[in-house]
């Protein structure tokens, strides 16, 4: 498995800009987004989209989503789409499932890539062995729907739904300590530490503040976090047992918190006009923020991106400036990839 701990090349480029004199170029001048995949190049049907990326290296990237097949005058059905980047071009690969959406996609190595397809028949697991996709059996007792696949520490795969399984060697091993409960789908694992987290929203909007819970090894423990009952939180990003980050919004302002092993403390990071924040870590220690900003006079909400260098956050132009276009980041080793929700394609940051 490719090491996921290397600091991205963009960090060096941005660090050089930050270390320069006052006349040094800005981060936006140093780095720019380039179209890496135009959606029409892999979608043959009348509609389609990409929902997830799995990055093994700069020359080995998978994109998962769906391609539309017209099955009636006004009816389009989703076909699984799995496209591969080999460093020079993208090509779609044959998938042994006729209908459904391929997401999430998780890559452990160039010859060990996994995808989840949900369709009317339930959840289907697919595995790439370096040559082709084949169906892989679900562990006995796994739920039929709403199953997620996560990459954890030491390359372990987590299969979460009502029940939880971890793949050790060639087998899925049940994790009975978590029981049988729909909240297990909220479990967030880390690629760099065994720390497990989950965010529990209010049962009813505005009824109570959300809870952030940490797995103690025996039970879920609520961690101290001062937020209002109107707060919405994203997914925690854990770099170690004593260093985790989580973003969110109180409806009007973006929020960013950092875990120090004992409590969550609010920290600076989002720009002044940000109304929400999501945390990304394409590689260990390489932190990014993404979200929307508010221009109340113009009633538009353009996206923003910020990158952390040491203790300093640097703004980088987002690949899309469309109103309300959320951006999701991916990466490993030497590259950062972006998938805007409203833009038809995948982008790569070039420095």
Protein backbone atom coordinates (compact mmCIF):
# COMPACT_ATOMS: atom_id res chain seq x y z
CA UNK A 1 0.00 0.00 0.00
CA UNK A 2 1.28 3.47 -0.87
CA UNK A 3 2.22 5.45 2.22
CA UNK A 4 -0.43 8.04 2.95
CA UNK A 5 1.66 10.02 5.42
CA UNK A 6 3.73 12.10 3.01
CA UNK A 7 3.09 15.83 3.01
CA UNK A 8 1.61 16.98 -0.28
CA UNK A 9 3.75 18.78 -2.81
CA UNK A 10 1.44 21.76 -2.56
CA UNK A 11 2.62 22.28 1.02
CA UNK A 12 6.16 22.91 -0.17
CA UNK A 13 5.00 25.26 -2.88
CA UNK A 14 2.77 27.23 -0.55
CA UNK A 15 5.40 27.24 2.18
CA UNK A 16 7.82 28.83 -0.26
CA UNK A 17 5.32 31.55 -1.01
CA UNK A 18 4.55 32.11 2.65
CA UNK A 19 8.25 32.31 3.59
CA UNK A 20 9.00 34.99 1.01
CA UNK A 21 9.09 38.72 1.52
CA UNK A 22 6.00 40.87 1.42
CA UNK A 23 6.28 40.91 -2.35
CA UNK A 24 6.11 37.11 -2.60
CA UNK A 25 3.35 35.71 -4.81
CA UNK A 26 0.11 34.72 -3.17
CA UNK A 27 -0.96 31.10 -2.79
CA UNK A 28 -3.48 31.58 -5.58
CA UNK A 29 -0.68 32.72 -7.89
CA UNK A 30 1.52 29.74 -6.99
CA UNK A 31 -1.14 27.03 -7.44
CA UNK A 32 -4.09 26.66 -9.77
CA UNK A 33 -6.76 24.06 -10.49
CA UNK A 34 -6.60 22.15 -13.75
CA UNK A 35 -9.39 20.03 -15.20
CA UNK A 36 -8.34 16.41 -14.67
CA UNK A 37 -11.54 14.75 -15.82
CA UNK A 38 -14.40 16.23 -17.81
CA UNK A 39 -17.57 14.30 -17.05
CA UNK A 40 -18.67 13.93 -20.70
CA UNK A 41 -15.47 11.98 -21.39
CA UNK A 42 -16.63 9.05 -19.25
CA UNK A 43 -20.44 9.37 -19.34
CA UNK A 44 -22.17 7.99 -22.42
CA UNK A 45 -25.79 8.31 -21.31
CA UNK A 46 -28.06 11.37 -21.14
CA UNK A 47 -27.14 11.93 -17.49
CA UNK A 48 -24.53 10.88 -14.96
CA UNK A 49 -22.30 12.09 -12.15
CA UNK A 50 -19.21 11.32 -10.08
CA UNK A 51 -19.64 10.95 -6.33
CA UNK A 52 -16.31 9.72 -4.97
CA UNK A 53 -12.57 9.49 -5.62
CA UNK A 54 -9.94 7.04 -4.38
CA UNK A 55 -6.32 8.11 -4.86
CA UNK A 56 -3.50 5.55 -4.77
CA UNK A 57 -0.91 7.85 -6.36
CA UNK A 58 -0.67 10.62 -8.95
CA UNK A 59 -0.78 7.92 -11.61
CA UNK A 60 -3.44 5.74 -10.07
CA UNK A 61 -6.82 7.33 -9.29
CA UNK A 62 -10.36 5.90 -9.32
CA UNK A 63 -13.60 7.85 -9.76
CA UNK A 64 -16.95 6.30 -8.87
CA UNK A 65 -20.47 7.36 -9.70
CA UNK A 66 -23.11 6.57 -12.31
CA UNK A 67 -23.88 6.73 -15.99
CA UNK A 68 -27.50 7.11 -17.08
CA UNK A 69 -29.26 4.60 -19.30
CA UNK A 70 -32.59 5.59 -20.82
CA UNK A 71 -35.16 2.86 -20.09
CA UNK A 72 -38.26 4.80 -21.17
CA UNK A 73 -39.42 8.05 -22.72
CA UNK A 74 -38.96 9.94 -19.46
CA UNK A 75 -37.09 7.36 -17.40
CA UNK A 76 -33.34 7.09 -16.82
CA UNK A 77 -31.75 4.38 -14.72
CA UNK A 78 -28.33 4.59 -13.09
CA UNK A 79 -25.55 2.26 -14.21
CA UNK A 80 -22.40 1.95 -12.02
CA UNK A 81 -19.50 4.01 -13.34
CA UNK A 82 -15.90 3.29 -12.33
CA UNK A 83 -13.26 5.24 -14.24
CA UNK A 84 -9.48 4.88 -13.80
CA UNK A 85 -6.66 7.42 -14.29
CA UNK A 86 -3.26 5.92 -15.17
CA UNK A 87 -1.32 9.17 -15.23
CA UNK A 88 -2.06 9.87 -18.90
CA UNK A 89 -5.74 9.25 -19.53
CA UNK A 90 -9.04 8.15 -18.03
CA UNK A 91 -10.86 5.04 -19.11
CA UNK A 92 -14.04 3.41 -17.89
CA UNK A 93 -13.82 -0.17 -16.68
CA UNK A 94 -16.29 -3.02 -17.07
CA UNK A 95 -18.44 -3.52 -13.97
CA UNK A 96 -20.21 -6.85 -13.20
CA UNK A 97 -23.38 -5.06 -11.99
CA UNK A 98 -26.02 -3.71 -14.36
CA UNK A 99 -27.78 -1.08 -12.22
CA UNK A 100 -26.79 1.13 -9.30
CA UNK A 101 -24.34 3.83 -8.22
CA UNK A 102 -20.68 3.05 -7.43
CA UNK A 103 -19.83 5.00 -4.27
CA UNK A 104 -17.97 4.99 -2.00
CA UNK A 105 -14.70 3.85 -3.59
CA UNK A 106 -11.70 2.91 -1.41
CA UNK A 107 -8.18 2.06 -2.60
CA UNK A 108 -5.72 0.10 -0.47
CA UNK A 109 -3.22 -0.37 -3.30
CA UNK A 110 -3.07 -0.55 -7.09
CA UNK A 111 -4.28 -4.16 -6.96
CA UNK A 112 -6.75 -3.85 -4.08
CA UNK A 113 -9.55 -1.36 -4.75
CA UNK A 114 -13.11 -1.64 -3.42
CA UNK A 115 -16.43 -0.07 -4.35
CA UNK A 116 -19.95 -0.25 -2.93
CA UNK A 117 -22.93 -0.42 -5.28
CA UNK A 118 -26.45 -0.01 -3.92
CA UNK A 119 -29.38 -1.02 -6.12
CA UNK A 120 -32.78 -2.67 -5.80
CA UNK A 121 -31.14 -5.97 -4.90
CA UNK A 122 -29.29 -4.49 -1.93
CA UNK A 123 -25.66 -3.65 -1.31
CA UNK A 124 -23.03 -5.18 -3.61
CA UNK A 125 -19.29 -5.15 -2.92
CA UNK A 126 -16.89 -4.94 -5.85
CA UNK A 127 -13.15 -5.56 -5.77
CA UNK A 128 -10.45 -4.64 -8.31
CA UNK A 129 -7.43 -6.95 -8.43
CA UNK A 130 -5.37 -4.90 -10.86
CA UNK A 131 -7.02 -6.40 -13.94
CA UNK A 132 -10.77 -6.52 -13.46
CA UNK A 133 -13.70 -5.89 -11.13
CA UNK A 134 -15.45 -8.85 -9.51
CA UNK A 135 -18.18 -9.21 -6.92
CA UNK A 136 -17.03 -9.89 -3.38
CA UNK A 137 -19.44 -11.48 -0.89
CA UNK A 138 -20.77 -9.39 1.97
CA UNK A 139 -20.06 -10.80 5.43
CA UNK A 140 -22.94 -12.81 6.87
CA UNK A 141 -25.33 -10.55 8.75
CA UNK A 142 -24.35 -7.36 6.94
CA UNK A 143 -27.27 -5.05 6.16
CA UNK A 144 -28.84 -5.03 2.73
CA UNK A 145 -28.75 -1.23 2.33
CA UNK A 146 -26.99 1.91 3.61
CA UNK A 147 -23.61 0.27 3.92
CA UNK A 148 -20.44 2.37 3.88
CA UNK A 149 -16.84 1.35 3.25
CA UNK A 150 -14.06 3.18 5.09
CA UNK A 151 -10.25 2.99 5.04
CA UNK A 152 -8.76 2.85 8.52
CA UNK A 153 -5.31 2.70 10.08
CA UNK A 154 -2.82 0.13 8.76
CA UNK A 155 -4.88 -0.26 5.60
CA UNK A 156 -7.79 -1.96 7.32
CA UNK A 157 -11.19 -1.82 5.69
CA UNK A 158 -14.24 -0.99 7.78
CA UNK A 159 -17.71 -1.98 6.61
CA UNK A 160 -20.31 -0.02 8.56
CA UNK A 161 -24.08 -0.28 8.55
CA UNK A 162 -26.34 -1.51 11.32
CA UNK A 163 -23.48 -3.88 12.10
CA UNK A 164 -19.75 -3.25 11.85
CA UNK A 165 -17.07 -5.44 10.26
CA UNK A 166 -13.31 -5.05 9.79
CA UNK A 167 -11.39 -6.86 7.08
CA UNK A 168 -8.32 -8.57 8.50
CA UNK A 169 -6.38 -10.53 5.90
CA UNK A 170 -8.85 -12.32 3.62
CA UNK A 171 -11.79 -12.24 6.06
CA UNK A 172 -14.41 -9.86 7.37
CA UNK A 173 -14.45 -10.01 11.16
CA UNK A 174 -17.58 -8.83 13.02
CA UNK A 175 -17.18 -6.14 15.69
CA UNK A 176 -19.93 -7.12 18.18
CA UNK A 177 -18.85 -4.42 20.66
CA UNK A 178 -20.80 -1.89 18.58
CA UNK A 179 -24.01 -3.93 18.59
CA UNK A 180 -26.70 -3.81 15.93
CA UNK A 181 -27.85 -0.20 15.52
CA UNK A 182 -28.40 2.33 12.70
CA UNK A 183 -26.10 4.82 14.48
CA UNK A 184 -23.17 2.60 13.54
CA UNK A 185 -23.36 4.15 10.10
CA UNK A 186 -22.17 7.41 11.73
CA UNK A 187 -18.82 5.92 12.75
CA UNK A 188 -15.82 7.83 11.40
CA UNK A 189 -12.45 6.06 11.22
CA UNK A 190 -9.01 7.51 10.59
CA UNK A 191 -6.25 6.40 8.24
CA UNK A 192 -3.60 7.37 10.80
CA UNK A 193 -4.89 6.39 14.23
CA UNK A 194 -7.22 3.84 15.82
CA UNK A 195 -9.36 6.64 17.28
CA UNK A 196 -13.05 6.27 16.38
CA UNK A 197 -15.55 9.13 16.41
CA UNK A 198 -19.17 9.77 15.58
CA UNK A 199 -21.43 12.84 15.50
CA UNK A 200 -24.95 12.50 16.88
CA UNK A 201 -27.29 15.24 15.62
CA UNK A 202 -30.29 16.55 17.51
CA UNK A 203 -33.33 14.21 17.30
CA UNK A 204 -35.31 17.19 16.00
CA UNK A 205 -33.86 20.32 14.30
CA UNK A 206 -33.06 22.90 16.96
CA UNK A 207 -34.17 20.68 19.84
CA UNK A 208 -30.72 20.10 21.40
CA UNK A 209 -27.03 20.56 20.51
CA UNK A 210 -25.30 17.84 18.50
CA UNK A 211 -22.99 15.46 20.37
CA UNK A 212 -19.48 14.42 19.38
CA UNK A 213 -18.63 11.03 20.83
CA UNK A 214 -15.36 9.10 21.04
CA UNK A 215 -15.05 5.32 21.35
CA UNK A 216 -13.26 4.50 24.61
CA UNK A 217 -12.66 0.88 23.69
CA UNK A 218 -15.78 -0.22 25.58
CA UNK A 219 -18.43 2.42 24.96
CA UNK A 220 -19.20 5.75 23.28
CA UNK A 221 -18.19 8.70 25.47
CA UNK A 222 -19.49 12.23 24.94
CA UNK A 223 -16.67 14.77 24.54
CA UNK A 224 -16.90 18.40 25.76
CA UNK A 225 -17.99 20.71 22.95
CA UNK A 226 -19.63 24.10 23.46
CA UNK A 227 -22.12 24.56 20.62
CA UNK A 228 -25.70 25.77 20.37
CA UNK A 229 -28.75 23.70 19.55
CA UNK A 230 -28.76 25.24 16.07
CA UNK A 231 -25.26 23.96 15.21
CA UNK A 232 -24.60 21.48 12.42
CA UNK A 233 -21.31 19.58 12.48
CA UNK A 234 -19.38 17.75 9.78
CA UNK A 235 -17.21 14.66 10.17
CA UNK A 236 -14.22 14.65 12.54
CA UNK A 237 -10.72 14.27 11.06
CA UNK A 238 -8.40 12.52 13.55
CA UNK A 239 -4.65 12.79 13.00
CA UNK A 240 -3.80 11.20 16.35
CA UNK A 241 -5.47 10.37 19.64
CA UNK A 242 -4.81 13.93 20.82
CA UNK A 243 -5.21 15.86 17.59
CA UNK A 244 -8.55 15.91 15.78
CA UNK A 245 -10.49 18.58 13.91
CA UNK A 246 -14.15 19.20 13.13
CA UNK A 247 -15.96 21.97 11.29
CA UNK A 248 -19.54 23.11 11.21
CA UNK A 249 -21.97 26.01 11.17
CA UNK A 250 -24.36 27.75 13.55
CA UNK A 251 -26.46 28.92 10.62
CA UNK A 252 -24.70 32.27 10.18
CA UNK A 253 -21.03 31.58 10.87
CA UNK A 254 -18.50 28.84 10.16
CA UNK A 255 -17.12 26.99 13.18
CA UNK A 256 -13.83 25.11 13.59
CA UNK A 257 -12.83 23.06 16.64
CA UNK A 258 -9.66 21.17 17.61
CA UNK A 259 -9.44 18.21 19.99
CA UNK A 260 -6.44 18.11 22.35
CA UNK A 261 -7.14 14.76 24.00
CA UNK A 262 -9.40 16.23 26.68
CA UNK A 263 -11.75 18.77 25.14
CA UNK A 264 -12.74 20.53 21.92
CA UNK A 265 -11.62 24.15 21.63
CA UNK A 266 -12.82 26.59 19.02
CA UNK A 267 -9.97 27.83 16.83
CA UNK A 268 -9.51 30.28 13.97
CA UNK A 269 -9.40 29.09 10.38
CA UNK A 270 -12.48 29.91 8.25
CA UNK A 271 -12.48 33.28 6.46
CA UNK A 272 -14.47 36.15 7.94
CA UNK A 273 -17.57 35.72 5.76
CA UNK A 274 -17.64 31.91 5.87
CA UNK A 275 -20.97 30.39 6.87
CA UNK A 276 -19.85 26.76 7.14
CA UNK A 277 -16.65 24.68 7.27
CA UNK A 278 -15.63 21.13 6.43
CA UNK A 279 -12.22 19.69 7.30
CA UNK A 280 -10.16 17.58 4.88
CA UNK A 281 -6.80 15.86 5.33
CA UNK A 282 -5.63 14.38 2.00
CA UNK A 283 -2.44 13.31 3.82
CA UNK A 284 -1.52 13.20 7.49
CA UNK A 285 -1.05 16.65 8.92
CA UNK A 286 -2.07 18.31 5.65
CA UNK A 287 -5.23 20.15 6.66
CA UNK A 288 -7.71 21.95 4.44
CA UNK A 289 -10.99 23.78 5.05
CA UNK A 290 -13.79 24.11 2.55
CA UNK A 291 -17.21 25.69 2.64
CA UNK A 292 -19.29 28.64 1.48
CA UNK A 293 -19.06 32.35 2.10
CA UNK A 294 -21.94 34.78 2.31
CA UNK A 295 -22.30 38.04 0.44
CA UNK A 296 -25.55 39.24 1.95
CA UNK A 297 -25.76 42.26 -0.32
CA UNK A 298 -25.69 40.07 -3.42
CA UNK A 299 -27.33 37.04 -1.78
CA UNK A 300 -24.74 34.65 -3.25
CA UNK A 301 -22.70 31.95 -1.53
CA UNK A 302 -19.43 31.29 -3.38
CA UNK A 303 -17.17 28.47 -2.13
CA UNK A 304 -13.80 28.90 -0.41
CA UNK A 305 -10.76 26.74 0.31
CA UNK A 306 -8.05 27.25 2.93
CA UNK A 307 -4.83 25.29 3.49
CA UNK A 308 -2.92 25.09 6.78
CA UNK A 309 0.84 25.65 6.79
CA UNK A 310 2.23 25.19 10.29
CA UNK A 311 -0.10 27.39 12.33
CA UNK A 312 -1.17 29.62 9.46
CA UNK A 313 -4.18 29.24 7.16
CA UNK A 314 -3.68 30.32 3.54
CA UNK A 315 -6.54 30.93 1.11
CA UNK A 316 -6.55 29.16 -2.26
CA UNK A 317 -9.04 29.84 -5.02
CA UNK A 318 -11.64 27.07 -5.30
CA UNK A 319 -11.96 25.22 -8.62
CA UNK A 320 -15.50 26.56 -8.93
CA UNK A 321 -16.95 29.94 -8.05
CA UNK A 322 -20.57 28.94 -8.63
CA UNK A 323 -23.06 29.90 -5.96
CA UNK A 324 -23.46 27.16 -3.34
CA UNK A 325 -20.99 24.78 -5.02
CA UNK A 326 -19.46 22.64 -2.26
CA UNK A 327 -16.01 21.24 -2.93
CA UNK A 328 -14.72 17.88 -1.64
CA UNK A 329 -10.96 17.20 -1.54
CA UNK A 330 -9.05 13.94 -1.98
CA UNK A 331 -5.41 12.98 -2.20
CA UNK A 332 -2.42 10.99 -1.08
CA UNK A 333 1.32 11.49 -1.34
CA UNK A 334 1.92 14.15 -3.96
CA UNK A 335 -1.38 15.49 -5.19
CA UNK A 336 -4.66 17.13 -4.27
CA UNK A 337 -7.83 16.40 -6.23
CA UNK A 338 -11.16 18.20 -5.98
CA UNK A 339 -14.75 17.32 -6.86
CA UNK A 340 -17.13 20.31 -6.95
CA UNK A 341 -20.74 19.23 -6.46
CA UNK A 342 -22.17 21.40 -9.23
CA UNK A 343 -19.28 21.27 -11.71
CA UNK A 344 -19.14 18.47 -14.23
CA UNK A 345 -15.69 17.06 -13.64
CA UNK A 346 -12.67 16.44 -11.43
CA UNK A 347 -9.88 18.96 -10.83
CA UNK A 348 -6.26 18.61 -9.75
CA UNK A 349 -4.17 21.25 -8.00
CA UNK A 350 -1.01 22.10 -9.93
CA UNK A 351 1.78 24.12 -8.31
